[in-house]
Amino acid sequence: MNEAKDGWELSLGKPIAPARAVRPGYGGLPKRLFDIVVASLLLILAAIPMLLAAAAIKLEGGGNVIFRQIRVGANLRPFVCYKFRTMRPEAPRDCASAELEQPERYITRVGTALRRMSIDELSQLFNVLSGDMSLVGPRPVIPGETELVELRRQLGVYRVSPGITGLAQVRGRDCITIERKAELDAEYISRMSLWLDIKLILRTFFCVIFCRDVHEGK
């Protein structure tokens, strides 16, 4: 798919610079402690919205409230990612909804609202507490998204845990190419710091409140 030349990765004719080393002084234990403290606080604050979301999913059509899917984690290790179920039971499980033909026909009415407000992602706070994810980092994708997985691998993105939000989520989210997503993921790693994580979390709230760059079919 791609060719390597002189330390640059060529993708669709566009050079992508490899990620620099992870910024020293942050990451590891400090980042993990930040994740645990903030995720715990967010779970307390989000308890009522999460309970309402679960009740709405049950009332609309029954079935499982939580959707479990294999995603690619740090060091390319697969893990089970949790989301509130937003699609009908008959929807294909092992592909990204953006890759489905007419994905909107699989998304429930409750699911549309949950996705618009990003409430479906709140259950991933449990992934953060378990250590599979971080609050901030590259968004985890399914193994079938091979092109993005490969671009991230080439750029060294999988040296860190995936996140609920990240640089790509506040700079375009669903409206940018996979090449740009991989570039932004690599940029985050090179700039990673406590202050950057705080800024990205605050900017994510802004994007969610104003439903910025959200595609309901994704």
N, C-alpha and C. Protein backbone atom coordinates (compact mmCIF):
# COMPACT_ATOMS: atom_id res chain seq x y z
N MET A 1 0.82 -1.21 0.00
CA MET A 1 0.00 0.00 0.00
C MET A 1 0.86 1.26 0.00
N ASN A 2 1.90 1.27 0.83
CA ASN A 2 2.75 2.44 0.94
C ASN A 2 4.20 2.06 0.68
N GLU A 3 5.00 3.06 0.32
CA GLU A 3 6.43 2.84 0.12
C GLU A 3 7.20 3.69 1.11
N ALA A 4 8.32 3.14 1.58
CA ALA A 4 9.17 3.89 2.50
C ALA A 4 10.37 4.42 1.72
N LYS A 5 10.71 5.68 1.96
CA LYS A 5 11.84 6.27 1.24
C LYS A 5 12.47 7.35 2.10
N ASP A 6 13.78 7.14 2.40
CA ASP A 6 14.55 8.14 3.13
C ASP A 6 13.88 8.58 4.42
N GLY A 7 13.30 7.64 5.17
CA GLY A 7 12.71 7.98 6.45
C GLY A 7 11.33 8.59 6.38
N TRP A 8 10.79 8.72 5.17
CA TRP A 8 9.44 9.25 5.01
C TRP A 8 8.54 8.14 4.50
N GLU A 9 7.25 8.20 4.94
CA GLU A 9 6.29 7.23 4.43
C GLU A 9 5.44 7.92 3.37
N LEU A 10 5.35 7.30 2.21
CA LEU A 10 4.58 7.88 1.12
C LEU A 10 3.20 7.25 1.10
N SER A 11 2.18 8.08 1.20
CA SER A 11 0.80 7.61 1.17
C SER A 11 0.01 8.46 0.20
N LEU A 12 -0.49 7.82 -0.87
CA LEU A 12 -1.25 8.52 -1.88
C LEU A 12 -0.49 9.74 -2.40
N GLY A 13 0.83 9.58 -2.52
CA GLY A 13 1.66 10.63 -3.07
C GLY A 13 2.02 11.73 -2.09
N LYS A 14 1.58 11.62 -0.84
CA LYS A 14 1.83 12.67 0.15
C LYS A 14 2.80 12.17 1.21
N PRO A 15 3.95 12.83 1.42
CA PRO A 15 4.88 12.38 2.44
C PRO A 15 4.35 12.64 3.84
N ILE A 16 4.54 11.66 4.71
CA ILE A 16 4.14 11.79 6.10
C ILE A 16 5.36 11.57 6.96
N ALA A 17 5.68 12.53 7.80
CA ALA A 17 6.87 12.42 8.63
C ALA A 17 6.62 11.44 9.77
N PRO A 18 7.61 10.60 10.09
CA PRO A 18 7.45 9.69 11.22
C PRO A 18 7.38 10.45 12.54
N ALA A 19 6.69 9.86 13.53
CA ALA A 19 6.51 10.53 14.81
C ALA A 19 7.84 10.70 15.53
N ARG A 20 7.99 11.82 16.20
CA ARG A 20 9.16 12.01 17.05
C ARG A 20 8.98 11.19 18.32
N ALA A 21 10.00 11.16 19.14
CA ALA A 21 9.93 10.41 20.38
C ALA A 21 8.86 10.98 21.29
N VAL A 22 8.30 10.12 22.14
CA VAL A 22 7.33 10.57 23.12
C VAL A 22 7.97 11.61 24.01
N ARG A 23 7.27 12.70 24.26
CA ARG A 23 7.83 13.80 25.05
C ARG A 23 8.14 13.33 26.46
N PRO A 24 9.36 13.58 26.95
CA PRO A 24 9.72 13.13 28.30
C PRO A 24 8.98 13.92 29.37
N GLY A 25 8.85 13.33 30.57
CA GLY A 25 8.24 14.02 31.68
C GLY A 25 6.76 13.79 31.84
N TYR A 26 6.12 13.20 30.84
CA TYR A 26 4.70 12.90 30.92
C TYR A 26 4.47 11.58 30.20
N GLY A 27 3.44 10.89 30.60
CA GLY A 27 3.23 9.53 30.11
C GLY A 27 3.53 8.57 31.25
N GLY A 28 3.25 7.31 31.05
CA GLY A 28 3.49 6.35 32.10
C GLY A 28 2.63 6.63 33.31
N LEU A 29 3.22 6.62 34.49
CA LEU A 29 2.48 6.77 35.73
C LEU A 29 1.76 8.11 35.86
N PRO A 30 2.40 9.26 35.55
CA PRO A 30 1.66 10.53 35.67
C PRO A 30 0.40 10.58 34.82
N LYS A 31 0.49 10.14 33.59
CA LYS A 31 -0.68 10.15 32.70
C LYS A 31 -1.73 9.16 33.21
N ARG A 32 -1.28 8.02 33.72
CA ARG A 32 -2.21 7.02 34.24
C ARG A 32 -2.96 7.54 35.46
N LEU A 33 -2.26 8.22 36.35
CA LEU A 33 -2.92 8.79 37.52
C LEU A 33 -3.93 9.86 37.11
N PHE A 34 -3.56 10.69 36.15
CA PHE A 34 -4.48 11.70 35.64
C PHE A 34 -5.74 11.03 35.08
N ASP A 35 -5.56 9.96 34.31
CA ASP A 35 -6.69 9.25 33.73
C ASP A 35 -7.62 8.70 34.81
N ILE A 36 -7.05 8.08 35.83
CA ILE A 36 -7.87 7.46 36.87
C ILE A 36 -8.68 8.50 37.63
N VAL A 37 -8.03 9.59 38.01
CA VAL A 37 -8.71 10.63 38.79
C VAL A 37 -9.82 11.28 37.97
N VAL A 38 -9.51 11.71 36.75
CA VAL A 38 -10.49 12.43 35.94
C VAL A 38 -11.61 11.50 35.47
N ALA A 39 -11.26 10.27 35.08
CA ALA A 39 -12.29 9.32 34.64
C ALA A 39 -13.26 9.01 35.78
N SER A 40 -12.75 8.88 36.99
CA SER A 40 -13.62 8.61 38.14
C SER A 40 -14.57 9.78 38.39
N LEU A 41 -14.05 11.00 38.30
CA LEU A 41 -14.90 12.17 38.48
C LEU A 41 -15.95 12.27 37.37
N LEU A 42 -15.55 12.00 36.14
CA LEU A 42 -16.49 12.07 35.02
C LEU A 42 -17.58 11.01 35.14
N LEU A 43 -17.23 9.83 35.63
CA LEU A 43 -18.25 8.79 35.83
C LEU A 43 -19.29 9.23 36.85
N ILE A 44 -18.86 9.90 37.89
CA ILE A 44 -19.80 10.41 38.89
C ILE A 44 -20.71 11.47 38.27
N LEU A 45 -20.11 12.42 37.54
CA LEU A 45 -20.89 13.49 36.92
C LEU A 45 -21.82 12.97 35.82
N ALA A 46 -21.39 11.91 35.12
CA ALA A 46 -22.16 11.39 33.99
C ALA A 46 -23.10 10.26 34.38
N ALA A 47 -23.20 9.95 35.65
CA ALA A 47 -24.00 8.80 36.08
C ALA A 47 -25.46 8.91 35.62
N ILE A 48 -26.07 10.07 35.81
CA ILE A 48 -27.48 10.24 35.43
C ILE A 48 -27.66 10.16 33.91
N PRO A 49 -26.88 10.90 33.09
CA PRO A 49 -27.00 10.75 31.64
C PRO A 49 -26.80 9.31 31.17
N MET A 50 -25.87 8.59 31.79
CA MET A 50 -25.62 7.21 31.39
C MET A 50 -26.81 6.31 31.74
N LEU A 51 -27.41 6.52 32.91
CA LEU A 51 -28.59 5.75 33.29
C LEU A 51 -29.76 6.06 32.37
N LEU A 52 -29.94 7.31 32.01
CA LEU A 52 -31.01 7.69 31.08
C LEU A 52 -30.78 7.08 29.70
N ALA A 53 -29.52 7.09 29.26
CA ALA A 53 -29.20 6.48 27.96
C ALA A 53 -29.51 4.99 27.97
N ALA A 54 -29.13 4.31 29.04
CA ALA A 54 -29.40 2.87 29.14
C ALA A 54 -30.90 2.59 29.12
N ALA A 55 -31.66 3.40 29.86
CA ALA A 55 -33.11 3.21 29.90
C ALA A 55 -33.73 3.46 28.52
N ALA A 56 -33.27 4.49 27.82
CA ALA A 56 -33.81 4.80 26.49
C ALA A 56 -33.53 3.69 25.49
N ILE A 57 -32.34 3.12 25.56
CA ILE A 57 -31.99 2.01 24.66
C ILE A 57 -32.89 0.82 24.92
N LYS A 58 -33.11 0.49 26.19
CA LYS A 58 -33.96 -0.63 26.55
C LYS A 58 -35.40 -0.40 26.11
N LEU A 59 -35.91 0.80 26.34
CA LEU A 59 -37.30 1.10 26.01
C LEU A 59 -37.54 1.09 24.50
N GLU A 60 -36.52 1.48 23.73
CA GLU A 60 -36.73 1.55 22.28
C GLU A 60 -36.83 0.17 21.65
N GLY A 61 -36.01 -0.77 22.11
CA GLY A 61 -36.06 -2.05 21.43
C GLY A 61 -35.51 -3.21 22.21
N GLY A 62 -35.23 -3.02 23.49
CA GLY A 62 -34.66 -4.10 24.28
C GLY A 62 -33.25 -4.42 23.83
N GLY A 63 -32.80 -5.62 24.09
CA GLY A 63 -31.46 -6.02 23.69
C GLY A 63 -30.40 -5.49 24.64
N ASN A 64 -29.17 -5.73 24.27
CA ASN A 64 -28.05 -5.30 25.11
C ASN A 64 -27.91 -3.78 25.10
N VAL A 65 -27.64 -3.22 26.24
CA VAL A 65 -27.42 -1.78 26.35
C VAL A 65 -26.01 -1.42 25.90
N ILE A 66 -25.05 -2.26 26.25
CA ILE A 66 -23.65 -2.01 25.91
C ILE A 66 -23.24 -2.83 24.70
N PHE A 67 -22.60 -2.15 23.76
CA PHE A 67 -22.06 -2.80 22.57
C PHE A 67 -20.57 -3.03 22.78
N ARG A 68 -20.13 -4.26 22.59
CA ARG A 68 -18.72 -4.62 22.78
C ARG A 68 -18.09 -4.91 21.42
N GLN A 69 -16.93 -4.35 21.19
CA GLN A 69 -16.27 -4.53 19.90
C GLN A 69 -14.76 -4.57 20.09
N ILE A 70 -14.10 -5.43 19.33
CA ILE A 70 -12.64 -5.51 19.39
C ILE A 70 -12.03 -4.30 18.69
N ARG A 71 -11.12 -3.62 19.39
CA ARG A 71 -10.40 -2.48 18.82
C ARG A 71 -8.90 -2.71 18.98
N VAL A 72 -8.12 -1.93 18.24
CA VAL A 72 -6.66 -2.03 18.29
C VAL A 72 -6.14 -1.09 19.37
N GLY A 73 -5.39 -1.64 20.33
CA GLY A 73 -4.87 -0.85 21.43
C GLY A 73 -3.38 -0.59 21.32
N ALA A 74 -2.79 -0.21 22.43
CA ALA A 74 -1.35 0.07 22.46
C ALA A 74 -0.56 -1.16 22.06
N ASN A 75 0.53 -0.94 21.33
CA ASN A 75 1.39 -2.03 20.84
C ASN A 75 0.62 -3.02 19.97
N LEU A 76 -0.42 -2.50 19.29
CA LEU A 76 -1.26 -3.31 18.40
C LEU A 76 -1.98 -4.45 19.13
N ARG A 77 -2.14 -4.32 20.43
CA ARG A 77 -2.82 -5.35 21.21
C ARG A 77 -4.33 -5.13 21.15
N PRO A 78 -5.10 -6.15 20.76
CA PRO A 78 -6.56 -5.98 20.70
C PRO A 78 -7.17 -5.93 22.10
N PHE A 79 -8.23 -5.19 22.24
CA PHE A 79 -8.96 -5.14 23.50
C PHE A 79 -10.44 -4.95 23.20
N VAL A 80 -11.28 -5.18 24.20
CA VAL A 80 -12.73 -5.01 24.05
C VAL A 80 -13.10 -3.59 24.43
N CYS A 81 -13.67 -2.85 23.48
CA CYS A 81 -14.07 -1.47 23.70
C CYS A 81 -15.58 -1.43 23.95
N TYR A 82 -15.98 -0.63 24.93
CA TYR A 82 -17.39 -0.53 25.31
C TYR A 82 -18.01 0.76 24.77
N LYS A 83 -19.22 0.62 24.23
CA LYS A 83 -20.01 1.78 23.81
C LYS A 83 -21.47 1.48 24.10
N PHE A 84 -22.25 2.54 24.34
CA PHE A 84 -23.69 2.34 24.39
C PHE A 84 -24.15 1.93 22.99
N ARG A 85 -25.04 0.95 22.94
CA ARG A 85 -25.49 0.45 21.64
C ARG A 85 -26.33 1.51 20.93
N THR A 86 -25.92 1.83 19.70
CA THR A 86 -26.63 2.83 18.90
C THR A 86 -27.19 2.24 17.61
N MET A 87 -26.89 0.97 17.34
CA MET A 87 -27.32 0.35 16.09
C MET A 87 -28.21 -0.85 16.38
N ARG A 88 -28.95 -1.24 15.38
CA ARG A 88 -29.86 -2.37 15.52
C ARG A 88 -29.07 -3.67 15.64
N PRO A 89 -29.65 -4.69 16.28
CA PRO A 89 -28.93 -5.96 16.48
C PRO A 89 -28.44 -6.60 15.19
N GLU A 90 -29.16 -6.38 14.08
CA GLU A 90 -28.77 -7.02 12.82
C GLU A 90 -27.64 -6.30 12.10
N ALA A 91 -27.17 -5.17 12.62
CA ALA A 91 -26.08 -4.43 11.98
C ALA A 91 -24.79 -5.23 12.02
N PRO A 92 -23.98 -5.19 10.95
CA PRO A 92 -22.69 -5.88 10.97
C PRO A 92 -21.83 -5.40 12.13
N ARG A 93 -21.15 -6.32 12.80
CA ARG A 93 -20.42 -5.99 14.03
C ARG A 93 -18.96 -5.62 13.80
N ASP A 94 -18.35 -6.19 12.78
CA ASP A 94 -16.89 -6.09 12.68
C ASP A 94 -16.41 -5.15 11.59
N CYS A 95 -17.14 -4.08 11.36
CA CYS A 95 -16.66 -3.07 10.43
C CYS A 95 -17.12 -1.71 10.94
N ALA A 96 -16.41 -0.67 10.52
CA ALA A 96 -16.78 0.68 10.94
C ALA A 96 -18.08 1.07 10.28
N SER A 97 -18.94 1.78 11.01
CA SER A 97 -20.24 2.15 10.45
C SER A 97 -20.08 3.04 9.23
N ALA A 98 -18.97 3.80 9.14
CA ALA A 98 -18.74 4.64 7.97
C ALA A 98 -18.53 3.82 6.71
N GLU A 99 -18.17 2.54 6.86
CA GLU A 99 -17.92 1.68 5.71
C GLU A 99 -19.17 0.95 5.26
N LEU A 100 -20.26 1.07 6.01
CA LEU A 100 -21.50 0.41 5.65
C LEU A 100 -22.22 1.17 4.55
N GLU A 101 -22.93 0.44 3.71
CA GLU A 101 -23.78 1.07 2.72
C GLU A 101 -25.06 1.52 3.42
N GLN A 102 -25.36 2.78 3.33
CA GLN A 102 -26.51 3.39 4.02
C GLN A 102 -26.50 3.05 5.51
N PRO A 103 -25.48 3.48 6.24
CA PRO A 103 -25.38 3.15 7.67
C PRO A 103 -26.55 3.68 8.49
N GLU A 104 -27.20 4.76 8.00
CA GLU A 104 -28.30 5.34 8.77
C GLU A 104 -29.47 4.38 8.96
N ARG A 105 -29.59 3.37 8.07
CA ARG A 105 -30.71 2.44 8.23
C ARG A 105 -30.49 1.49 9.40
N TYR A 106 -29.26 1.39 9.89
CA TYR A 106 -28.97 0.53 11.04
C TYR A 106 -29.01 1.29 12.37
N ILE A 107 -28.91 2.60 12.31
CA ILE A 107 -28.82 3.39 13.54
C ILE A 107 -30.22 3.66 14.08
N THR A 108 -30.42 3.40 15.34
CA THR A 108 -31.72 3.61 15.97
C THR A 108 -31.96 5.11 16.21
N ARG A 109 -33.21 5.46 16.52
CA ARG A 109 -33.51 6.86 16.81
C ARG A 109 -32.78 7.32 18.07
N VAL A 110 -32.79 6.47 19.09
CA VAL A 110 -32.05 6.80 20.30
C VAL A 110 -30.56 6.89 19.98
N GLY A 111 -30.07 5.95 19.16
CA GLY A 111 -28.66 5.95 18.80
C GLY A 111 -28.24 7.22 18.09
N THR A 112 -29.11 7.76 17.24
CA THR A 112 -28.80 9.01 16.54
C THR A 112 -28.57 10.14 17.54
N ALA A 113 -29.43 10.22 18.54
CA ALA A 113 -29.29 11.26 19.56
C ALA A 113 -28.03 11.05 20.40
N LEU A 114 -27.77 9.79 20.76
CA LEU A 114 -26.59 9.50 21.58
C LEU A 114 -25.31 9.84 20.83
N ARG A 115 -25.29 9.53 19.53
CA ARG A 115 -24.09 9.84 18.75
C ARG A 115 -23.91 11.33 18.58
N ARG A 116 -25.01 12.05 18.35
CA ARG A 116 -24.91 13.49 18.16
C ARG A 116 -24.29 14.16 19.38
N MET A 117 -24.65 13.67 20.56
CA MET A 117 -24.14 14.25 21.81
C MET A 117 -22.93 13.50 22.37
N SER A 118 -22.46 12.47 21.64
CA SER A 118 -21.32 11.65 22.04
C SER A 118 -21.53 10.94 23.38
N ILE A 119 -22.78 10.76 23.78
CA ILE A 119 -23.07 10.04 25.02
C ILE A 119 -22.72 8.57 24.88
N ASP A 120 -22.76 8.04 23.66
CA ASP A 120 -22.44 6.62 23.46
C ASP A 120 -21.00 6.30 23.83
N GLU A 121 -20.14 7.32 23.88
CA GLU A 121 -18.73 7.10 24.20
C GLU A 121 -18.47 7.06 25.72
N LEU A 122 -19.44 7.49 26.53
CA LEU A 122 -19.19 7.62 27.96
C LEU A 122 -18.82 6.29 28.62
N SER A 123 -19.35 5.19 28.10
CA SER A 123 -19.02 3.89 28.71
C SER A 123 -17.55 3.54 28.56
N GLN A 124 -16.84 4.24 27.67
CA GLN A 124 -15.41 3.99 27.52
C GLN A 124 -14.60 4.51 28.70
N LEU A 125 -15.26 5.25 29.60
CA LEU A 125 -14.58 5.63 30.84
C LEU A 125 -14.18 4.39 31.64
N PHE A 126 -14.96 3.31 31.51
CA PHE A 126 -14.60 2.05 32.17
C PHE A 126 -13.37 1.44 31.51
N ASN A 127 -13.22 1.62 30.18
CA ASN A 127 -12.00 1.20 29.51
C ASN A 127 -10.78 1.96 30.02
N VAL A 128 -10.99 3.24 30.35
CA VAL A 128 -9.90 4.05 30.89
C VAL A 128 -9.50 3.52 32.26
N LEU A 129 -10.48 3.25 33.11
CA LEU A 129 -10.17 2.75 34.45
C LEU A 129 -9.49 1.39 34.40
N SER A 130 -9.84 0.57 33.41
CA SER A 130 -9.23 -0.75 33.30
C SER A 130 -7.82 -0.70 32.73
N GLY A 131 -7.44 0.44 32.14
CA GLY A 131 -6.09 0.59 31.60
C GLY A 131 -5.97 0.30 30.12
N ASP A 132 -7.07 -0.07 29.47
CA ASP A 132 -7.02 -0.33 28.02
C ASP A 132 -6.97 0.95 27.21
N MET A 133 -7.50 2.03 27.78
CA MET A 133 -7.56 3.30 27.07
C MET A 133 -7.08 4.42 27.99
N SER A 134 -6.85 5.57 27.39
CA SER A 134 -6.54 6.79 28.11
C SER A 134 -7.65 7.79 27.81
N LEU A 135 -7.74 8.85 28.58
CA LEU A 135 -8.72 9.89 28.26
C LEU A 135 -8.37 10.56 26.94
N VAL A 136 -7.08 10.78 26.70
CA VAL A 136 -6.62 11.45 25.48
C VAL A 136 -5.60 10.57 24.78
N GLY A 137 -5.80 10.42 23.48
CA GLY A 137 -4.90 9.60 22.68
C GLY A 137 -5.54 9.33 21.33
N PRO A 138 -4.91 8.58 20.47
CA PRO A 138 -5.51 8.25 19.18
C PRO A 138 -6.80 7.44 19.39
N ARG A 139 -7.85 7.77 18.67
CA ARG A 139 -9.09 7.03 18.80
C ARG A 139 -8.88 5.57 18.39
N PRO A 140 -9.36 4.59 19.16
CA PRO A 140 -9.18 3.19 18.80
C PRO A 140 -10.05 2.80 17.61
N VAL A 141 -9.48 2.06 16.69
CA VAL A 141 -10.22 1.62 15.51
C VAL A 141 -10.29 0.10 15.50
N ILE A 142 -11.18 -0.43 14.68
CA ILE A 142 -11.29 -1.88 14.56
C ILE A 142 -10.16 -2.40 13.69
N PRO A 143 -9.77 -3.68 13.86
CA PRO A 143 -8.68 -4.23 13.05
C PRO A 143 -8.92 -4.16 11.56
N GLY A 144 -10.19 -4.13 11.15
CA GLY A 144 -10.51 -4.10 9.73
C GLY A 144 -10.19 -2.78 9.04
N GLU A 145 -9.95 -1.72 9.82
CA GLU A 145 -9.57 -0.44 9.22
C GLU A 145 -8.07 -0.46 8.94
N THR A 146 -7.70 -1.34 8.03
CA THR A 146 -6.29 -1.69 7.83
C THR A 146 -5.43 -0.52 7.36
N GLU A 147 -5.99 0.37 6.54
CA GLU A 147 -5.17 1.46 6.02
C GLU A 147 -4.77 2.42 7.14
N LEU A 148 -5.71 2.77 8.00
CA LEU A 148 -5.39 3.66 9.11
C LEU A 148 -4.49 2.96 10.12
N VAL A 149 -4.74 1.69 10.38
CA VAL A 149 -3.89 0.94 11.31
C VAL A 149 -2.45 0.91 10.81
N GLU A 150 -2.27 0.70 9.51
CA GLU A 150 -0.92 0.63 8.94
C GLU A 150 -0.24 1.99 8.98
N LEU A 151 -0.98 3.05 8.64
CA LEU A 151 -0.38 4.40 8.70
C LEU A 151 0.06 4.72 10.12
N ARG A 152 -0.78 4.39 11.09
CA ARG A 152 -0.42 4.64 12.49
C ARG A 152 0.79 3.81 12.91
N ARG A 153 0.85 2.57 12.44
CA ARG A 153 1.98 1.72 12.79
C ARG A 153 3.28 2.32 12.26
N GLN A 154 3.25 2.78 11.03
CA GLN A 154 4.44 3.38 10.42
C GLN A 154 4.89 4.63 11.17
N LEU A 155 3.95 5.35 11.73
CA LEU A 155 4.26 6.60 12.42
C LEU A 155 4.53 6.41 13.91
N GLY A 156 4.50 5.17 14.38
CA GLY A 156 4.78 4.91 15.78
C GLY A 156 3.67 5.31 16.73
N VAL A 157 2.45 5.42 16.21
CA VAL A 157 1.33 5.87 17.03
C VAL A 157 0.97 4.86 18.12
N TYR A 158 1.20 3.58 17.84
CA TYR A 158 0.76 2.55 18.78
C TYR A 158 1.68 2.38 19.98
N ARG A 159 2.58 3.33 20.18
CA ARG A 159 3.39 3.33 21.40
C ARG A 159 2.60 3.81 22.61
N VAL A 160 1.45 4.44 22.37
CA VAL A 160 0.63 4.96 23.48
C VAL A 160 -0.76 4.33 23.43
N SER A 161 -1.47 4.42 24.54
CA SER A 161 -2.83 3.86 24.61
C SER A 161 -3.79 4.73 23.80
N PRO A 162 -4.80 4.11 23.20
CA PRO A 162 -5.81 4.90 22.50
C PRO A 162 -6.62 5.72 23.49
N GLY A 163 -7.29 6.76 22.99
CA GLY A 163 -8.01 7.66 23.87
C GLY A 163 -9.47 7.85 23.49
N ILE A 164 -10.24 8.35 24.45
CA ILE A 164 -11.63 8.70 24.17
C ILE A 164 -11.68 9.89 23.23
N THR A 165 -10.76 10.82 23.42
CA THR A 165 -10.64 11.95 22.51
C THR A 165 -9.18 12.15 22.17
N GLY A 166 -8.92 13.01 21.21
CA GLY A 166 -7.54 13.25 20.80
C GLY A 166 -7.44 14.46 19.92
N LEU A 167 -6.25 14.72 19.42
CA LEU A 167 -6.01 15.89 18.58
C LEU A 167 -6.85 15.84 17.32
N ALA A 168 -6.98 14.66 16.72
CA ALA A 168 -7.77 14.54 15.49
C ALA A 168 -9.25 14.81 15.74
N GLN A 169 -9.73 14.53 16.96
CA GLN A 169 -11.14 14.72 17.27
C GLN A 169 -11.51 16.19 17.41
N VAL A 170 -10.57 17.04 17.76
CA VAL A 170 -10.87 18.46 17.89
C VAL A 170 -10.42 19.25 16.66
N ARG A 171 -9.80 18.56 15.70
CA ARG A 171 -9.37 19.23 14.46
C ARG A 171 -10.02 18.62 13.23
N GLY A 172 -11.26 18.22 13.38
CA GLY A 172 -11.96 17.73 12.21
C GLY A 172 -12.82 16.52 12.45
N ARG A 173 -12.44 15.69 13.41
CA ARG A 173 -13.22 14.51 13.81
C ARG A 173 -13.57 13.66 12.60
N ASP A 174 -14.84 13.63 12.17
CA ASP A 174 -15.27 12.78 11.07
C ASP A 174 -15.05 13.41 9.70
N CYS A 175 -14.53 14.62 9.67
CA CYS A 175 -14.47 15.38 8.42
C CYS A 175 -13.07 15.46 7.82
N ILE A 176 -12.12 14.63 8.29
CA ILE A 176 -10.77 14.66 7.74
C ILE A 176 -10.40 13.29 7.21
N THR A 177 -9.39 13.24 6.37
CA THR A 177 -8.96 11.99 5.76
C THR A 177 -8.22 11.12 6.77
N ILE A 178 -8.07 9.85 6.45
CA ILE A 178 -7.34 8.96 7.36
C ILE A 178 -5.87 9.34 7.42
N GLU A 179 -5.33 9.87 6.31
CA GLU A 179 -3.93 10.32 6.33
C GLU A 179 -3.76 11.46 7.33
N ARG A 180 -4.71 12.39 7.32
CA ARG A 180 -4.64 13.51 8.24
C ARG A 180 -4.83 13.06 9.68
N LYS A 181 -5.71 12.09 9.90
CA LYS A 181 -5.89 11.55 11.25
C LYS A 181 -4.59 10.96 11.77
N ALA A 182 -3.91 10.17 10.93
CA ALA A 182 -2.65 9.56 11.36
C ALA A 182 -1.60 10.62 11.66
N GLU A 183 -1.54 11.68 10.84
CA GLU A 183 -0.59 12.76 11.08
C GLU A 183 -0.86 13.43 12.43
N LEU A 184 -2.13 13.71 12.71
CA LEU A 184 -2.48 14.37 13.96
C LEU A 184 -2.22 13.46 15.17
N ASP A 185 -2.45 12.16 15.00
CA ASP A 185 -2.14 11.22 16.08
C ASP A 185 -0.64 11.25 16.40
N ALA A 186 0.18 11.28 15.34
CA ALA A 186 1.63 11.34 15.54
C ALA A 186 2.04 12.67 16.17
N GLU A 187 1.38 13.74 15.75
CA GLU A 187 1.69 15.06 16.33
C GLU A 187 1.36 15.07 17.81
N TYR A 188 0.25 14.46 18.19
CA TYR A 188 -0.11 14.42 19.62
C TYR A 188 0.98 13.74 20.44
N ILE A 189 1.49 12.62 19.93
CA ILE A 189 2.52 11.89 20.67
C ILE A 189 3.76 12.75 20.87
N SER A 190 4.14 13.50 19.84
CA SER A 190 5.35 14.33 19.95
C SER A 190 5.16 15.51 20.89
N ARG A 191 3.90 15.92 21.11
CA ARG A 191 3.62 17.08 21.97
C ARG A 191 3.00 16.70 23.30
N MET A 192 2.85 15.44 23.58
CA MET A 192 2.07 14.95 24.71
C MET A 192 2.50 15.58 26.03
N SER A 193 1.53 16.14 26.75
CA SER A 193 1.80 16.75 28.05
C SER A 193 0.50 16.82 28.83
N LEU A 194 0.61 17.05 30.13
CA LEU A 194 -0.58 17.19 30.96
C LEU A 194 -1.43 18.37 30.51
N TRP A 195 -0.79 19.50 30.23
CA TRP A 195 -1.53 20.68 29.81
C TRP A 195 -2.23 20.45 28.49
N LEU A 196 -1.58 19.76 27.55
CA LEU A 196 -2.23 19.47 26.27
C LEU A 196 -3.44 18.58 26.48
N ASP A 197 -3.33 17.56 27.35
CA ASP A 197 -4.48 16.70 27.62
C ASP A 197 -5.65 17.49 28.19
N ILE A 198 -5.36 18.40 29.11
CA ILE A 198 -6.43 19.22 29.70
C ILE A 198 -7.09 20.08 28.63
N LYS A 199 -6.28 20.70 27.76
CA LYS A 199 -6.83 21.54 26.70
C LYS A 199 -7.69 20.73 25.74
N LEU A 200 -7.25 19.53 25.39
CA LEU A 200 -8.00 18.71 24.44
C LEU A 200 -9.31 18.23 25.05
N ILE A 201 -9.32 17.91 26.33
CA ILE A 201 -10.56 17.51 26.99
C ILE A 201 -11.55 18.67 26.99
N LEU A 202 -11.08 19.88 27.31
CA LEU A 202 -11.96 21.05 27.31
C LEU A 202 -12.48 21.36 25.92
N ARG A 203 -11.62 21.24 24.91
CA ARG A 203 -12.04 21.50 23.53
C ARG A 203 -13.03 20.43 23.06
N THR A 204 -12.87 19.22 23.57
CA THR A 204 -13.81 18.16 23.21
C THR A 204 -15.21 18.49 23.71
N PHE A 205 -15.31 18.99 24.94
CA PHE A 205 -16.62 19.40 25.47
C PHE A 205 -17.25 20.45 24.57
N PHE A 206 -16.43 21.39 24.08
CA PHE A 206 -16.93 22.43 23.19
C PHE A 206 -17.47 21.81 21.89
N CYS A 207 -16.70 20.89 21.31
CA CYS A 207 -17.12 20.24 20.06
C CYS A 207 -18.42 19.46 20.26
N VAL A 208 -18.53 18.78 21.40
CA VAL A 208 -19.73 17.98 21.67
C VAL A 208 -20.94 18.87 21.87
N ILE A 209 -20.79 19.94 22.66
CA ILE A 209 -21.91 20.84 22.95
C ILE A 209 -22.47 21.44 21.67
N PHE A 210 -21.59 21.82 20.75
CA PHE A 210 -22.03 22.46 19.51
C PHE A 210 -22.13 21.48 18.34
N CYS A 211 -22.00 20.15 18.65
CA CYS A 211 -22.12 19.10 17.62
C CYS A 211 -21.26 19.41 16.41
N ARG A 212 -20.03 19.83 16.66
CA ARG A 212 -19.14 20.25 15.59
C ARG A 212 -18.47 19.05 14.95
N ASP A 213 -18.51 19.01 13.59
CA ASP A 213 -17.81 17.98 12.80
C ASP A 213 -18.27 16.57 13.15
N VAL A 214 -19.57 16.41 13.41
CA VAL A 214 -20.10 15.09 13.71
C VAL A 214 -20.92 14.60 12.54
N HIS A 215 -20.62 13.40 12.07
CA HIS A 215 -21.44 12.74 11.06
C HIS A 215 -22.23 11.64 11.74
N GLU A 216 -23.55 11.71 11.66
CA GLU A 216 -24.36 10.75 12.39
C GLU A 216 -24.21 9.34 11.82
N GLY A 217 -23.73 9.22 10.62
CA GLY A 217 -23.57 7.90 10.04
C GLY A 217 -22.25 7.27 10.35
N LYS A 218 -21.50 7.84 11.26
CA LYS A 218 -20.17 7.29 11.57
C LYS A 218 -20.09 6.92 13.03
